[in-house]
Protein backbone atom coordinates (compact mmCIF):
# COMPACT_ATOMS: atom_id res chain seq x y z
CA UNK A 1 -13.56 -4.10 19.87
CA UNK A 2 -15.28 -2.16 17.14
CA UNK A 3 -14.31 -3.03 13.58
CA UNK A 4 -14.79 -1.25 10.27
CA UNK A 5 -14.52 -2.34 6.64
CA UNK A 6 -13.08 0.52 4.64
CA UNK A 7 -12.34 0.93 0.94
CA UNK A 8 -9.15 2.98 0.60
CA UNK A 9 -8.16 5.08 -2.42
CA UNK A 10 -11.76 5.41 -3.60
CA UNK A 11 -14.76 7.35 -2.32
CA UNK A 12 -17.08 4.93 -4.11
CA UNK A 13 -18.13 1.77 -2.19
CA UNK A 14 -16.61 -1.43 -3.61
CA UNK A 15 -13.86 0.51 -5.34
CA UNK A 16 -10.31 0.94 -4.13
CA UNK A 17 -8.61 -1.52 -1.77
CA UNK A 18 -10.60 -2.86 1.19
CA UNK A 19 -9.05 -3.16 4.64
CA UNK A 20 -10.22 -4.17 8.07
CA UNK A 21 -9.75 -1.61 10.84
CA UNK A 22 -10.10 -2.67 14.48
CA UNK A 23 -10.42 0.14 17.03
CA UNK A 24 -8.86 -0.84 20.37
CA UNK A 25 -9.92 0.64 23.70
CA UNK A 26 -7.54 -1.30 25.96
CA UNK A 27 -4.13 0.12 26.91
CA UNK A 28 -2.38 -2.96 25.51
CA UNK A 29 -2.67 -4.64 22.15
CA UNK A 30 -4.33 -8.07 22.12
CA UNK A 31 -2.04 -11.07 21.87
CA UNK A 32 -0.45 -11.50 18.46
CA UNK A 33 -2.21 -14.80 17.78
CA UNK A 34 -5.60 -13.21 18.43
CA UNK A 35 -4.91 -10.32 16.04
CA UNK A 36 -3.73 -12.88 13.49
CA UNK A 37 -6.97 -14.84 13.91
CA UNK A 38 -9.06 -11.69 13.47
CA UNK A 39 -7.17 -10.76 10.29
CA UNK A 40 -7.65 -14.28 8.93
CA UNK A 41 -11.36 -14.19 9.79
CA UNK A 42 -11.92 -10.79 8.10
CA UNK A 43 -10.00 -12.14 5.07
CA UNK A 44 -8.83 -8.79 3.75
CA UNK A 45 -5.26 -8.38 2.52
CA UNK A 46 -4.52 -6.31 5.63
CA UNK A 47 -6.28 -5.51 8.88
CA UNK A 48 -5.07 -2.57 11.00
CA UNK A 49 -5.31 -2.58 14.78
CA UNK A 50 -5.31 0.99 16.03
CA UNK A 51 -4.73 2.25 19.56
CA UNK A 52 -5.13 5.92 20.51
CA UNK A 53 -2.39 7.07 22.89
CA UNK A 54 -2.90 10.82 22.66
CA UNK A 55 -5.16 13.47 21.14
CA UNK A 56 -3.47 13.13 17.74
CA UNK A 57 -1.12 10.21 18.42
CA UNK A 58 -1.76 6.56 17.56
CA UNK A 59 -0.10 3.15 17.48
CA UNK A 60 -1.08 0.93 14.55
CA UNK A 61 -0.12 -2.69 13.82
CA UNK A 62 -0.91 -4.47 10.57
CA UNK A 63 -1.75 -8.13 9.95
CA UNK A 64 -2.31 -10.01 6.70
CA UNK A 65 -4.13 -13.36 6.72
CA UNK A 66 -0.65 -14.97 6.95
CA UNK A 67 1.34 -12.76 9.30
CA UNK A 68 2.24 -9.31 10.61
CA UNK A 69 3.84 -6.68 8.35
CA UNK A 70 5.64 -3.54 9.47
CA UNK A 71 3.49 -1.14 7.48
CA UNK A 72 0.56 -1.07 5.07
CA UNK A 73 -0.22 2.08 3.11
CA UNK A 74 -3.83 1.41 2.14
CA UNK A 75 -4.72 0.16 5.64
CA UNK A 76 -3.22 3.36 7.08
CA UNK A 77 -5.29 5.51 4.73
CA UNK A 78 -8.34 3.40 5.67
CA UNK A 79 -7.63 3.79 9.40
CA UNK A 80 -7.20 7.55 9.50
CA UNK A 81 -9.95 8.14 6.97
CA UNK A 82 -12.29 6.18 9.24
CA UNK A 83 -11.15 8.16 12.31
CA UNK A 84 -11.94 11.38 10.43
CA UNK A 85 -15.28 10.31 8.98
CA UNK A 86 -16.49 8.86 12.31
CA UNK A 87 -15.71 12.12 14.11
CA UNK A 88 -12.67 11.01 16.11
CA UNK A 89 -10.48 13.62 14.38
CA UNK A 90 -11.13 17.15 13.11
CA UNK A 91 -10.49 18.35 9.56
CA UNK A 92 -6.87 19.11 8.65
CA UNK A 93 -5.46 17.40 11.75
CA UNK A 94 -1.83 16.28 11.61
CA UNK A 95 -1.44 12.95 13.41
CA UNK A 96 1.53 10.86 14.45
CA UNK A 97 1.33 7.16 13.60
CA UNK A 98 3.70 4.84 15.48
CA UNK A 99 4.36 1.72 13.36
CA UNK A 100 6.93 -1.06 13.30
CA UNK A 101 8.40 0.72 10.25
CA UNK A 102 8.88 3.93 12.25
CA UNK A 103 6.90 7.03 13.19
CA UNK A 104 4.91 8.52 10.31
CA UNK A 105 2.87 11.69 9.96
CA UNK A 106 -0.70 11.51 8.63
CA UNK A 107 -2.88 14.49 7.69
CA UNK A 108 -6.62 13.83 7.70
CA UNK A 109 -9.53 15.45 5.89
CA UNK A 110 -11.65 14.59 2.87
CA UNK A 111 -8.38 13.23 1.48
CA UNK A 112 -5.93 11.44 3.77
CA UNK A 113 -2.20 11.82 3.10
CA UNK A 114 0.56 9.98 4.95
CA UNK A 115 4.27 10.69 5.06
CA UNK A 116 6.33 7.69 4.06
CA UNK A 117 9.59 6.45 5.51
CA UNK A 118 12.79 7.72 3.90
CA UNK A 119 12.85 6.32 0.36
CA UNK A 120 15.77 4.20 -0.73
CA UNK A 121 16.87 2.08 -3.65
CA UNK A 122 18.11 -1.21 -2.20
CA UNK A 123 21.05 -2.81 -4.04
CA UNK A 124 19.70 -6.28 -4.82
CA UNK A 125 20.86 -8.41 -7.74
CA UNK A 126 17.79 -9.45 -9.73
CA UNK A 127 17.66 -12.09 -12.46
CA UNK A 128 15.42 -10.07 -14.79
CA UNK A 129 14.96 -12.95 -17.24
CA UNK A 130 13.72 -15.19 -14.43
CA UNK A 131 11.46 -12.43 -13.14
CA UNK A 132 9.92 -11.84 -16.58
CA UNK A 133 9.34 -15.58 -17.00
CA UNK A 134 7.56 -15.75 -13.62
CA UNK A 135 5.45 -12.67 -14.36
CA UNK A 136 4.58 -13.59 -17.95
CA UNK A 137 6.14 -10.39 -19.31
CA UNK A 138 6.97 -10.53 -23.00
CA UNK A 139 8.76 -7.29 -23.89
CA UNK A 140 11.88 -5.63 -22.53
CA UNK A 141 11.80 -1.98 -21.47
CA UNK A 142 14.78 0.37 -21.41
CA UNK A 143 14.36 0.99 -17.69
CA UNK A 144 15.98 -0.82 -14.76
CA UNK A 145 14.30 -3.35 -12.50
CA UNK A 146 15.06 -2.20 -8.95
CA UNK A 147 14.07 -2.85 -5.35
CA UNK A 148 12.78 0.35 -3.74
CA UNK A 149 11.41 0.90 -0.23
CA UNK A 150 9.50 3.62 1.57
CA UNK A 151 8.83 1.31 4.53
CA UNK A 152 8.39 -1.97 2.65
CA UNK A 153 10.70 -3.21 -0.14
CA UNK A 154 9.10 -4.00 -3.49
CA UNK A 155 10.52 -4.83 -6.91
CA UNK A 156 9.72 -2.06 -9.39
CA UNK A 157 9.17 -3.79 -12.76
CA UNK A 158 8.50 -1.63 -15.83
CA UNK A 159 6.51 -3.09 -18.73
CA UNK A 160 6.10 -1.80 -22.25
CA UNK A 161 2.41 -0.88 -22.30
CA UNK A 162 -0.85 -0.85 -20.38
CA UNK A 163 -2.01 -3.76 -22.55
CA UNK A 164 0.96 -5.88 -21.47
CA UNK A 165 0.47 -4.81 -17.87
CA UNK A 166 -3.11 -6.07 -17.94
CA UNK A 167 -2.03 -9.34 -19.57
CA UNK A 168 0.45 -10.30 -16.82
CA UNK A 169 -0.36 -13.69 -15.31
CA UNK A 170 2.26 -14.49 -12.65
CA UNK A 171 3.17 -17.95 -11.41
CA UNK A 172 2.21 -17.21 -7.81
CA UNK A 173 4.19 -20.04 -6.21
CA UNK A 174 7.33 -19.09 -8.10
CA UNK A 175 6.76 -15.41 -7.33
CA UNK A 176 6.39 -16.14 -3.62
CA UNK A 177 9.66 -18.08 -3.69
CA UNK A 178 11.46 -15.28 -5.52
CA UNK A 179 10.08 -12.70 -3.08
CA UNK A 180 11.37 -14.78 -0.18
CA UNK A 181 14.82 -15.14 -1.76
CA UNK A 182 15.11 -11.38 -2.38
CA UNK A 183 13.48 -10.39 0.95
CA UNK A 184 10.86 -8.23 -0.75
CA UNK A 185 7.14 -7.82 -0.12
CA UNK A 186 6.24 -8.35 -3.75
CA UNK A 187 6.30 -7.03 -7.30
CA UNK A 188 5.03 -3.62 -8.40
CA UNK A 189 4.62 -3.72 -12.19
CA UNK A 190 3.92 -0.45 -14.01
CA UNK A 191 3.41 1.07 -17.43
CA UNK A 192 3.99 4.79 -17.93
CA UNK A 193 1.06 6.68 -19.44
CA UNK A 194 -0.06 10.11 -20.65
CA UNK A 195 -3.82 9.72 -20.02
CA UNK A 196 -4.02 11.84 -16.87
CA UNK A 197 -2.18 9.27 -14.76
CA UNK A 198 1.54 9.07 -14.20
CA UNK A 199 1.36 5.30 -14.65
CA UNK A 200 -0.98 2.33 -14.52
CA UNK A 201 0.19 -0.25 -11.99
CA UNK A 202 -0.41 -3.75 -10.62
CA UNK A 203 0.93 -5.16 -7.34
CA UNK A 204 1.46 -8.83 -6.46
CA UNK A 205 2.37 -10.15 -2.98
CA UNK A 206 1.72 -13.91 -2.83
CA UNK A 207 4.42 -14.42 -0.17
CA UNK A 208 2.02 -12.71 2.25
CA UNK A 209 -1.12 -14.38 0.94
CA UNK A 210 -1.98 -11.50 -1.40
CA UNK A 211 -2.16 -12.62 -5.06
CA UNK A 212 -2.93 -9.07 -6.16
CA UNK A 213 -3.85 -5.80 -4.47
CA UNK A 214 -6.10 -3.16 -5.97
CA UNK A 215 -4.25 -0.24 -4.29
CA UNK A 216 -0.92 -0.09 -2.49
CA UNK A 217 0.25 3.11 -0.86
CA UNK A 218 3.78 2.04 0.08
CA UNK A 219 4.55 0.59 -3.36
CA UNK A 220 3.30 3.66 -5.23
CA UNK A 221 5.36 5.88 -2.96
CA UNK A 222 8.33 3.65 -3.81
CA UNK A 223 7.47 4.00 -7.50
CA UNK A 224 7.47 7.79 -7.11
CA UNK A 225 11.03 7.60 -5.76
CA UNK A 226 11.99 5.19 -8.57
CA UNK A 227 10.72 7.65 -11.17
CA UNK A 228 12.71 10.50 -9.64
CA UNK A 229 15.81 8.33 -9.15
CA UNK A 230 15.75 7.39 -12.84
CA UNK A 231 15.11 10.92 -14.11
CA UNK A 232 11.51 10.38 -15.22
CA UNK A 233 10.00 13.08 -12.99
CA UNK A 234 11.38 16.23 -11.39
CA UNK A 235 11.23 17.43 -7.81
CA UNK A 236 8.84 18.58 -6.47
CA UNK A 237 6.19 16.54 -8.25
CA UNK A 238 2.59 15.36 -7.96
CA UNK A 239 1.77 11.85 -9.24
CA UNK A 240 -1.46 9.92 -9.79
CA UNK A 241 -1.42 6.15 -10.22
CA UNK A 242 -4.29 4.04 -11.55
CA UNK A 243 -4.43 0.59 -9.96
CA UNK A 244 -6.95 -2.23 -9.63
CA UNK A 245 -8.37 -2.11 -13.15
CA UNK A 246 -7.61 -5.78 -13.78
CA UNK A 247 -9.49 -6.64 -10.57
CA UNK A 248 -12.57 -4.54 -11.32
CA UNK A 249 -11.72 -2.25 -8.37
CA UNK A 250 -10.20 0.92 -9.92
CA UNK A 251 -8.20 2.94 -7.41
CA UNK A 252 -6.49 6.31 -7.63
CA UNK A 253 -3.37 6.62 -5.48
CA UNK A 254 -1.93 10.12 -5.21
CA UNK A 255 1.62 10.98 -4.18
CA UNK A 256 3.42 14.24 -3.43
CA UNK A 257 7.20 14.44 -3.78
CA UNK A 258 8.51 17.41 -1.81
CA UNK A 259 11.67 19.45 -2.37
CA UNK A 260 13.50 17.61 0.42
CA UNK A 261 12.74 14.23 -1.16
CA UNK A 262 10.00 13.37 1.32
CA UNK A 263 7.08 11.47 -0.20
CA UNK A 264 3.45 11.64 0.95
CA UNK A 265 0.85 9.22 -0.36
CA UNK A 266 -2.91 9.13 -0.01
CA UNK A 267 -6.40 9.40 -1.37
CA UNK A 268 -10.06 9.14 -0.40
CA UNK A 269 -11.95 6.39 1.45
CA UNK A 270 -15.42 4.88 1.76
CA UNK A 271 -16.64 3.08 4.91
CA UNK A 272 -18.86 0.16 3.87
CA UNK A 273 -19.48 -1.71 7.14
CA UNK A 274 -19.03 -1.58 10.88
CA UNK A 275 -19.63 -4.02 13.72
CA UNK A 276 -18.45 -5.41 17.06
CA UNK A 277 -16.02 -8.26 17.65
CA UNK A 278 -17.41 -10.42 20.49
CA UNK A 279 -14.09 -11.87 21.65
């Protein structure tokens, strides 16, 4: 099995969000425990295992160091960006990606954009005071805290400013427990801005062994729906989110909200390593 290390949402090496991508040649996926071991060995927040089943059709499964997840945005961008840059796909090819979260369309080129699952606000009762205490937030914002999903559910948590966003210091054990109780992947904190980005964001997923991610496609797609749902953007709309600044890995995640409410998310990638798994 060939593997690649790919930085998603940045065309500069060591920027963006790194993911492992394992290219499978067999007709069947390896056993789950083997894929889990590979993901743990590579140590990235997610590793994608990709199987080609047609000229433009693929099956992809995603593993964190702790377990399998239905979908991962940045690992999807990494996967299809790698397939394009390594010559497996031509420019402006529309692909079908079969995932545990459903079948998603991906368009490849110098920028990779993926169609997200149908966005939805999930009615979950959230103790905002408890959440703020766990996250270290200090100021209230006149916006709701809501669970939104475009394939994976995340808590959208507005904060008052970029400065407060960067000062967040979550209690990771308490946050993992809260995420488990609410059946969410994690917390997507954001501060609206007018500096060329729609918002600056940070994402925390300790329940899945991810203290913080430098770029999250699914969560920023969910944030796009949140902004529309709460009247902060119109439709159609183009959004740009800055993430990863607090980690020293700045990432630009782009989203497109179409007239029918469909959301596409994507960006650029940089391949930084490749090798062979001798297992």
